[in-house]
Amino acid sequence: MFNKTLPAIILLFLLATLSYNLKGQIIKGEALLGMNLTQVDGDEVFGFKKVGANVGGGILIPFGERGRWDASFELLYTQKGSWQKAQYNDSLNNGTIITGEYKLNLHYMEVPVLVMYTDKEFVSLGAGLSWGRLIGVKEWEHGKLVDSTTINSGTYSKNDFSALVDFRIRIYKSLKFNLRYQYSFVKIRTREFEDLAGDTWTRKQYNNVITFRLIWVFNEEQSRKNFQNAVP
């Protein structure tokens, strides 16, 4: 119940506040569309090779001198995970099987909270924290689905807590390009590995994400005018 209702409640809150006037300052809304390049540190698979979606909406609450600062709240659907192509061939019964292939799909509803600073209405920098709720997971090893890896199996944590840094630059009017880096500071899984010699080792795993997005900001011009008019 918690897993299904919380994102809907947050989304209703964001939509309700898009045009809300707080002490004369219009809150800005955001439409967010982009992609993630991800890997899972600790899974013995390397490189930002997994591509996933990053879509959603958000609000920016201006504060501080001339409205240069914003408190940012987002609600996202985001895909993370890991991918590795087949590494080598094994011969078996006069046939060939391809091994070493690995794929992990992690689906989250995510709520990032940031503080943003905008310089000369052109470049924005921000940092913050994010909480993600796992809503779907599938894992493949050597091309075969791992049936034991499910959302309720406990293989992966249902919560992902991460820190992030954010860079934005204006492209045209209210359209901005966004580059974001995000890393889990709480493990999402602990796994034991074994090599062909029988040696074993244990690794903690963390989401490692680079995001590229386009952002359209609503009410930005009116919010800026309101701030300028409010200055004595």
C-alpha atoms as a PDB file:
ATOM      1  CA  MET A   1       0.000   0.000   0.000  1.00  0.00           C
ATOM      2  CA  PHE A   2       2.812   2.395   0.959  1.00  0.00           C
ATOM      3  CA  ASN A   3       4.694   1.606  -2.243  1.00  0.00           C
ATOM      4  CA  LYS A   4       1.699   2.431  -4.448  1.00  0.00           C
ATOM      5  CA  THR A   5       0.154   5.456  -2.730  1.00  0.00           C
ATOM      6  CA  LEU A   6       3.110   7.611  -1.684  1.00  0.00           C
ATOM      7  CA  PRO A   7       4.227   8.631  -5.222  1.00  0.00           C
ATOM      8  CA  ALA A   8       0.628   9.560  -6.069  1.00  0.00           C
ATOM      9  CA  ILE A   9       0.346  11.735  -2.957  1.00  0.00           C
ATOM     10  CA  ILE A  10       3.610  13.511  -3.767  1.00  0.00           C
ATOM     11  CA  LEU A  11       2.527  14.061  -7.371  1.00  0.00           C
ATOM     12  CA  LEU A  12      -0.760  15.620  -6.259  1.00  0.00           C
ATOM     13  CA  PHE A  13       1.174  17.921  -3.940  1.00  0.00           C
ATOM     14  CA  LEU A  14       3.489  19.033  -6.751  1.00  0.00           C
ATOM     15  CA  LEU A  15       0.629  19.676  -9.164  1.00  0.00           C
ATOM     16  CA  ALA A  16      -1.346  21.603  -6.555  1.00  0.00           C
ATOM     17  CA  THR A  17       1.566  23.949  -5.874  1.00  0.00           C
ATOM     18  CA  LEU A  18       2.637  24.696  -9.455  1.00  0.00           C
ATOM     19  CA  SER A  19       0.617  27.910  -9.590  1.00  0.00           C
ATOM     20  CA  TYR A  20       0.447  28.643  -5.871  1.00  0.00           C
ATOM     21  CA  ASN A  21       1.463  32.183  -4.869  1.00  0.00           C
ATOM     22  CA  LEU A  22       3.653  32.158  -1.743  1.00  0.00           C
ATOM     23  CA  LYS A  23       3.961  35.642  -0.244  1.00  0.00           C
ATOM     24  CA  GLY A  24       3.808  37.146  -3.710  1.00  0.00           C
ATOM     25  CA  GLN A  25       6.381  34.793  -5.198  1.00  0.00           C
ATOM     26  CA  ILE A  26       5.100  32.461  -7.902  1.00  0.00           C
ATOM     27  CA  ILE A  27       6.438  28.945  -7.554  1.00  0.00           C
ATOM     28  CA  LYS A  28       8.034  27.658 -10.745  1.00  0.00           C
ATOM     29  CA  GLY A  29       7.111  24.309 -12.265  1.00  0.00           C
ATOM     30  CA  GLU A  30       9.311  21.942 -14.256  1.00  0.00           C
ATOM     31  CA  ALA A  31       8.748  19.285 -16.904  1.00  0.00           C
ATOM     32  CA  LEU A  32      11.722  16.893 -16.970  1.00  0.00           C
ATOM     33  CA  LEU A  33      12.683  14.493 -19.757  1.00  0.00           C
ATOM     34  CA  GLY A  34      15.972  12.673 -20.171  1.00  0.00           C
ATOM     35  CA  MET A  35      18.070   9.550 -19.817  1.00  0.00           C
ATOM     36  CA  ASN A  36      20.351   7.851 -17.306  1.00  0.00           C
ATOM     37  CA  LEU A  37      23.686   6.175 -17.938  1.00  0.00           C
ATOM     38  CA  THR A  38      24.168   3.849 -14.995  1.00  0.00           C
ATOM     39  CA  GLN A  39      26.299   1.195 -13.394  1.00  0.00           C
ATOM     40  CA  VAL A  40      26.137  -0.625 -10.075  1.00  0.00           C
ATOM     41  CA  ASP A  41      29.374  -0.361  -8.145  1.00  0.00           C
ATOM     42  CA  GLY A  42      30.227  -3.673  -6.500  1.00  0.00           C
ATOM     43  CA  ASP A  43      28.631  -6.027  -9.063  1.00  0.00           C
ATOM     44  CA  GLU A  44      31.915  -6.840 -10.867  1.00  0.00           C
ATOM     45  CA  VAL A  45      30.525  -5.212 -14.031  1.00  0.00           C
ATOM     46  CA  PHE A  46      32.191  -1.964 -15.073  1.00  0.00           C
ATOM     47  CA  GLY A  47      31.197   1.082 -17.109  1.00  0.00           C
ATOM     48  CA  PHE A  48      28.151   3.325 -17.515  1.00  0.00           C
ATOM     49  CA  LYS A  49      26.605   0.979 -20.087  1.00  0.00           C
ATOM     50  CA  LYS A  50      23.013   0.671 -18.890  1.00  0.00           C
ATOM     51  CA  VAL A  51      20.661   3.224 -20.494  1.00  0.00           C
ATOM     52  CA  GLY A  52      17.396   4.137 -18.786  1.00  0.00           C
ATOM     53  CA  ALA A  53      14.660   6.759 -18.682  1.00  0.00           C
ATOM     54  CA  ASN A  54      14.502   9.747 -16.356  1.00  0.00           C
ATOM     55  CA  VAL A  55      11.152  11.564 -16.602  1.00  0.00           C
ATOM     56  CA  GLY A  56       8.872  13.515 -14.288  1.00  0.00           C
ATOM     57  CA  GLY A  57       8.025  16.923 -12.911  1.00  0.00           C
ATOM     58  CA  GLY A  58       9.047  19.278 -10.167  1.00  0.00           C
ATOM     59  CA  ILE A  59       8.680  22.632  -8.471  1.00  0.00           C
ATOM     60  CA  LEU A  60      11.178  25.399  -7.689  1.00  0.00           C
ATOM     61  CA  ILE A  61      10.498  27.637  -4.698  1.00  0.00           C
ATOM     62  CA  PRO A  62      12.544  30.871  -5.012  1.00  0.00           C
ATOM     63  CA  PHE A  63      14.160  32.499  -1.984  1.00  0.00           C
ATOM     64  CA  GLY A  64      17.088  34.700  -1.074  1.00  0.00           C
ATOM     65  CA  GLU A  65      18.549  37.762  -2.743  1.00  0.00           C
ATOM     66  CA  ARG A  66      16.796  38.593  -6.043  1.00  0.00           C
ATOM     67  CA  GLY A  67      15.406  35.079  -6.238  1.00  0.00           C
ATOM     68  CA  ARG A  68      18.728  33.578  -7.236  1.00  0.00           C
ATOM     69  CA  TRP A  69      18.240  30.653  -4.873  1.00  0.00           C
ATOM     70  CA  ASP A  70      15.636  27.921  -5.314  1.00  0.00           C
ATOM     71  CA  ALA A  71      14.499  24.975  -3.246  1.00  0.00           C
ATOM     72  CA  SER A  72      13.851  22.190  -5.764  1.00  0.00           C
ATOM     73  CA  PHE A  73      11.494  19.248  -5.290  1.00  0.00           C
ATOM     74  CA  GLU A  74      11.035  16.609  -7.997  1.00  0.00           C
ATOM     75  CA  LEU A  75       8.998  13.461  -8.547  1.00  0.00           C
ATOM     76  CA  LEU A  76      10.621  11.124 -11.090  1.00  0.00           C
ATOM     77  CA  TYR A  77      10.286   7.752 -12.714  1.00  0.00           C
ATOM     78  CA  THR A  78      13.855   6.621 -13.210  1.00  0.00           C
ATOM     79  CA  GLN A  79      15.549   3.460 -14.484  1.00  0.00           C
ATOM     80  CA  LYS A  80      18.887   2.296 -13.127  1.00  0.00           C
ATOM     81  CA  GLY A  81      20.917  -0.895 -13.237  1.00  0.00           C
ATOM     82  CA  SER A  82      23.830  -2.538 -15.000  1.00  0.00           C
ATOM     83  CA  TRP A  83      24.663  -4.216 -18.316  1.00  0.00           C
ATOM     84  CA  GLN A  84      27.495  -6.258 -19.758  1.00  0.00           C
ATOM     85  CA  LYS A  85      27.625  -8.033 -23.096  1.00  0.00           C
ATOM     86  CA  ALA A  86      28.717 -11.665 -23.415  1.00  0.00           C
ATOM     87  CA  GLN A  87      32.381 -12.010 -22.534  1.00  0.00           C
ATOM     88  CA  TYR A  88      33.419 -15.454 -23.818  1.00  0.00           C
ATOM     89  CA  ASN A  89      32.206 -18.719 -25.352  1.00  0.00           C
ATOM     90  CA  ASP A  90      32.076 -22.141 -23.730  1.00  0.00           C
ATOM     91  CA  SER A  91      31.835 -25.384 -25.681  1.00  0.00           C
ATOM     92  CA  LEU A  92      29.318 -27.890 -24.354  1.00  0.00           C
ATOM     93  CA  ASN A  93      28.154 -31.129 -26.065  1.00  0.00           C
ATOM     94  CA  ASN A  94      29.492 -30.005 -29.456  1.00  0.00           C
ATOM     95  CA  GLY A  95      27.628 -26.722 -29.108  1.00  0.00           C
ATOM     96  CA  THR A  96      28.532 -23.220 -28.028  1.00  0.00           C
ATOM     97  CA  ILE A  97      27.031 -21.212 -25.189  1.00  0.00           C
ATOM     98  CA  ILE A  98      27.846 -17.569 -24.593  1.00  0.00           C
ATOM     99  CA  THR A  99      28.585 -16.670 -20.980  1.00  0.00           C
ATOM    100  CA  GLY A 100      29.455 -13.589 -18.981  1.00  0.00           C
ATOM    101  CA  GLU A 101      26.396 -11.644 -20.138  1.00  0.00           C
ATOM    102  CA  TYR A 102      24.691  -9.686 -17.363  1.00  0.00           C
ATOM    103  CA  LYS A 103      21.757  -7.279 -17.169  1.00  0.00           C
ATOM    104  CA  LEU A 104      20.006  -5.635 -14.246  1.00  0.00           C
ATOM    105  CA  ASN A 105      16.927  -3.419 -14.534  1.00  0.00           C
ATOM    106  CA  LEU A 106      15.955  -1.359 -11.488  1.00  0.00           C
ATOM    107  CA  HIS A 107      12.841   0.829 -11.654  1.00  0.00           C
ATOM    108  CA  TYR A 108      12.317   3.597  -9.086  1.00  0.00           C
ATOM    109  CA  MET A 109       9.899   6.340  -8.158  1.00  0.00           C
ATOM    110  CA  GLU A 110      12.274   8.982  -6.877  1.00  0.00           C
ATOM    111  CA  VAL A 111      12.018  12.232  -4.897  1.00  0.00           C
ATOM    112  CA  PRO A 112      15.145  14.441  -5.191  1.00  0.00           C
ATOM    113  CA  VAL A 113      15.382  17.556  -2.981  1.00  0.00           C
ATOM    114  CA  LEU A 114      17.997  20.171  -3.909  1.00  0.00           C
ATOM    115  CA  VAL A 115      19.144  23.716  -3.259  1.00  0.00           C
ATOM    116  CA  MET A 116      19.902  25.539  -6.532  1.00  0.00           C
ATOM    117  CA  TYR A 117      21.793  28.773  -7.232  1.00  0.00           C
ATOM    118  CA  THR A 118      21.384  30.595 -10.558  1.00  0.00           C
ATOM    119  CA  ASP A 119      23.976  33.070 -11.835  1.00  0.00           C
ATOM    120  CA  LYS A 120      22.922  35.809 -14.284  1.00  0.00           C
ATOM    121  CA  GLU A 121      19.744  33.882 -15.145  1.00  0.00           C
ATOM    122  CA  PHE A 122      21.869  31.562 -17.302  1.00  0.00           C
ATOM    123  CA  VAL A 123      23.758  28.895 -15.340  1.00  0.00           C
ATOM    124  CA  SER A 124      22.479  27.001 -12.302  1.00  0.00           C
ATOM    125  CA  LEU A 125      24.343  24.803  -9.830  1.00  0.00           C
ATOM    126  CA  GLY A 126      22.766  22.656  -7.150  1.00  0.00           C
ATOM    127  CA  ALA A 127      23.255  19.857  -4.674  1.00  0.00           C
ATOM    128  CA  GLY A 128      20.984  17.725  -2.577  1.00  0.00           C
ATOM    129  CA  LEU A 129      19.702  14.337  -1.502  1.00  0.00           C
ATOM    130  CA  SER A 130      17.286  11.876  -3.046  1.00  0.00           C
ATOM    131  CA  TRP A 131      15.091   9.013  -1.902  1.00  0.00           C
ATOM    132  CA  GLY A 132      14.051   6.345  -4.387  1.00  0.00           C
ATOM    133  CA  ARG A 133      11.423   3.645  -3.902  1.00  0.00           C
ATOM    134  CA  LEU A 134      12.008   0.439  -5.857  1.00  0.00           C
ATOM    135  CA  ILE A 135       8.900  -0.466  -7.891  1.00  0.00           C
ATOM    136  CA  GLY A 136      10.337  -3.114 -10.206  1.00  0.00           C
ATOM    137  CA  VAL A 137      13.429  -5.284 -10.663  1.00  0.00           C
ATOM    138  CA  LYS A 138      14.661  -7.932 -13.118  1.00  0.00           C
ATOM    139  CA  GLU A 139      18.069  -9.577 -13.288  1.00  0.00           C
ATOM    140  CA  TRP A 140      19.647 -11.749 -16.005  1.00  0.00           C
ATOM    141  CA  GLU A 141      22.838 -13.801 -15.709  1.00  0.00           C
ATOM    142  CA  HIS A 142      24.393 -15.465 -18.768  1.00  0.00           C
ATOM    143  CA  GLY A 143      21.291 -14.493 -20.725  1.00  0.00           C
ATOM    144  CA  LYS A 144      18.879 -16.231 -18.335  1.00  0.00           C
ATOM    145  CA  LEU A 145      16.353 -14.525 -16.063  1.00  0.00           C
ATOM    146  CA  VAL A 146      17.113 -14.942 -12.346  1.00  0.00           C
ATOM    147  CA  ASP A 147      13.736 -16.046 -11.005  1.00  0.00           C
ATOM    148  CA  SER A 148      14.758 -15.508  -7.382  1.00  0.00           C
ATOM    149  CA  THR A 149      15.366 -11.784  -7.920  1.00  0.00           C
ATOM    150  CA  THR A 150      11.993 -10.111  -7.353  1.00  0.00           C
ATOM    151  CA  ILE A 151      10.835  -6.921  -5.702  1.00  0.00           C
ATOM    152  CA  ASN A 152       9.726  -8.831  -2.599  1.00  0.00           C
ATOM    153  CA  SER A 153      12.617 -11.290  -2.381  1.00  0.00           C
ATOM    154  CA  GLY A 154      14.833  -8.930  -0.391  1.00  0.00           C
ATOM    155  CA  THR A 155      17.638  -9.276  -2.946  1.00  0.00           C
ATOM    156  CA  TYR A 156      17.650  -5.516  -3.482  1.00  0.00           C
ATOM    157  CA  SER A 157      16.710  -2.883  -0.937  1.00  0.00           C
ATOM    158  CA  LYS A 158      13.358  -1.249  -1.611  1.00  0.00           C
ATOM    159  CA  ASN A 159      14.853   2.142  -0.722  1.00  0.00           C
ATOM    160  CA  ASP A 160      17.722   3.967  -2.421  1.00  0.00           C
ATOM    161  CA  PHE A 161      19.229   6.938  -0.584  1.00  0.00           C
ATOM    162  CA  SER A 162      21.647   9.017  -2.640  1.00  0.00           C
ATOM    163  CA  ALA A 163      23.479  12.321  -2.894  1.00  0.00           C
ATOM    164  CA  LEU A 164      23.598  14.349  -6.091  1.00  0.00           C
ATOM    165  CA  VAL A 165      25.090  17.399  -7.778  1.00  0.00           C
ATOM    166  CA  ASP A 166      23.337  19.242 -10.601  1.00  0.00           C
ATOM    167  CA  PHE A 167      24.352  21.592 -13.435  1.00  0.00           C
ATOM    168  CA  ARG A 168      21.911  23.453 -15.716  1.00  0.00           C
ATOM    169  CA  ILE A 169      22.389  25.889 -18.573  1.00  0.00           C
ATOM    170  CA  ARG A 170      19.750  27.838 -20.463  1.00  0.00           C
ATOM    171  CA  ILE A 171      19.355  26.822 -24.111  1.00  0.00           C
ATOM    172  CA  TYR A 172      16.417  28.926 -25.228  1.00  0.00           C
ATOM    173  CA  LYS A 173      13.984  30.946 -23.092  1.00  0.00           C
ATOM    174  CA  SER A 174      12.564  28.463 -20.547  1.00  0.00           C
ATOM    175  CA  LEU A 175      14.348  25.410 -21.995  1.00  0.00           C
ATOM    176  CA  LYS A 176      17.433  24.203 -20.135  1.00  0.00           C
ATOM    177  CA  PHE A 177      19.990  21.427 -20.511  1.00  0.00           C
ATOM    178  CA  ASN A 178      20.715  19.487 -17.332  1.00  0.00           C
ATOM    179  CA  LEU A 179      23.676  17.306 -16.320  1.00  0.00           C
ATOM    180  CA  ARG A 180      23.370  15.463 -13.008  1.00  0.00           C
ATOM    181  CA  TYR A 181      25.585  13.033 -11.090  1.00  0.00           C
ATOM    182  CA  GLN A 182      24.104  10.815  -8.394  1.00  0.00           C
ATOM    183  CA  TYR A 183      25.538   8.155  -6.062  1.00  0.00           C
ATOM    184  CA  SER A 184      23.949   5.957  -3.408  1.00  0.00           C
ATOM    185  CA  PHE A 185      25.339   6.477   0.082  1.00  0.00           C
ATOM    186  CA  VAL A 186      23.438   3.466   1.475  1.00  0.00           C
ATOM    187  CA  LYS A 187      24.014   0.050  -0.099  1.00  0.00           C
ATOM    188  CA  ILE A 188      21.272  -1.412  -2.304  1.00  0.00           C
ATOM    189  CA  ARG A 189      22.549  -4.995  -2.027  1.00  0.00           C
ATOM    190  CA  THR A 190      25.240  -7.204  -0.511  1.00  0.00           C
ATOM    191  CA  ARG A 191      26.374 -10.079  -2.711  1.00  0.00           C
ATOM    192  CA  GLU A 192      28.865 -12.923  -2.476  1.00  0.00           C
ATOM    193  CA  PHE A 193      30.915 -13.833  -5.563  1.00  0.00           C
ATOM    194  CA  GLU A 194      32.858 -16.984  -6.394  1.00  0.00           C
ATOM    195  CA  ASP A 195      35.483 -17.495  -9.108  1.00  0.00           C
ATOM    196  CA  LEU A 196      36.409 -20.662 -10.989  1.00  0.00           C
ATOM    197  CA  ALA A 197      39.070 -21.489  -8.400  1.00  0.00           C
ATOM    198  CA  GLY A 198      36.469 -21.534  -5.645  1.00  0.00           C
ATOM    199  CA  ASP A 199      37.619 -18.306  -4.000  1.00  0.00           C
ATOM    200  CA  THR A 200      34.772 -16.180  -2.614  1.00  0.00           C
ATOM    201  CA  TRP A 201      34.412 -12.516  -1.708  1.00  0.00           C
ATOM    202  CA  THR A 202      31.604 -10.188  -0.631  1.00  0.00           C
ATOM    203  CA  ARG A 203      30.783  -6.790  -2.146  1.00  0.00           C
ATOM    204  CA  LYS A 204      28.350  -4.062  -1.157  1.00  0.00           C
ATOM    205  CA  GLN A 205      26.564  -2.527  -4.146  1.00  0.00           C
ATOM    206  CA  TYR A 206      25.617   1.091  -4.892  1.00  0.00           C
ATOM    207  CA  ASN A 207      23.833   2.887  -7.741  1.00  0.00           C
ATOM    208  CA  ASN A 208      26.127   5.152  -9.758  1.00  0.00           C
ATOM    209  CA  VAL A 209      24.259   7.411 -12.204  1.00  0.00           C
ATOM    210  CA  ILE A 210      24.964  10.122 -14.801  1.00  0.00           C
ATOM    211  CA  THR A 211      21.822  11.883 -16.081  1.00  0.00           C
ATOM    212  CA  PHE A 212      21.234  14.039 -19.155  1.00  0.00           C
ATOM    213  CA  ARG A 213      17.906  15.899 -19.349  1.00  0.00           C
ATOM    214  CA  LEU A 214      15.977  18.699 -20.968  1.00  0.00           C
ATOM    215  CA  ILE A 215      13.974  20.862 -18.564  1.00  0.00           C
ATOM    216  CA  TRP A 216      11.149  23.238 -19.381  1.00  0.00           C
ATOM    217  CA  VAL A 217      10.467  25.755 -16.608  1.00  0.00           C
ATOM    218  CA  PHE A 218       6.987  27.236 -16.123  1.00  0.00           C
ATOM    219  CA  ASN A 219       6.256  30.637 -14.516  1.00  0.00           C
ATOM    220  CA  GLU A 220       9.952  31.568 -14.556  1.00  0.00           C
ATOM    221  CA  GLU A 221       9.536  35.074 -15.997  1.00  0.00           C
ATOM    222  CA  GLN A 222       6.605  35.965 -13.757  1.00  0.00           C
ATOM    223  CA  SER A 223       8.409  34.659 -10.685  1.00  0.00           C
ATOM    224  CA  ARG A 224      11.440  36.809 -11.503  1.00  0.00           C
ATOM    225  CA  LYS A 225       9.270  39.915 -11.961  1.00  0.00           C
ATOM    226  CA  ASN A 226       7.510  39.326  -8.675  1.00  0.00           C
ATOM    227  CA  PHE A 227      10.829  39.081  -6.870  1.00  0.00           C
ATOM    228  CA  GLN A 228      12.091  42.294  -8.471  1.00  0.00           C
ATOM    229  CA  ASN A 229       8.895  44.134  -7.527  1.00  0.00           C
ATOM    230  CA  ALA A 230       9.126  42.877  -3.959  1.00  0.00           C
ATOM    231  CA  VAL A 231      12.604  44.380  -3.454  1.00  0.00           C
ATOM    232  CA  PRO A 232      12.281  47.688  -1.507  1.00  0.00           C
END
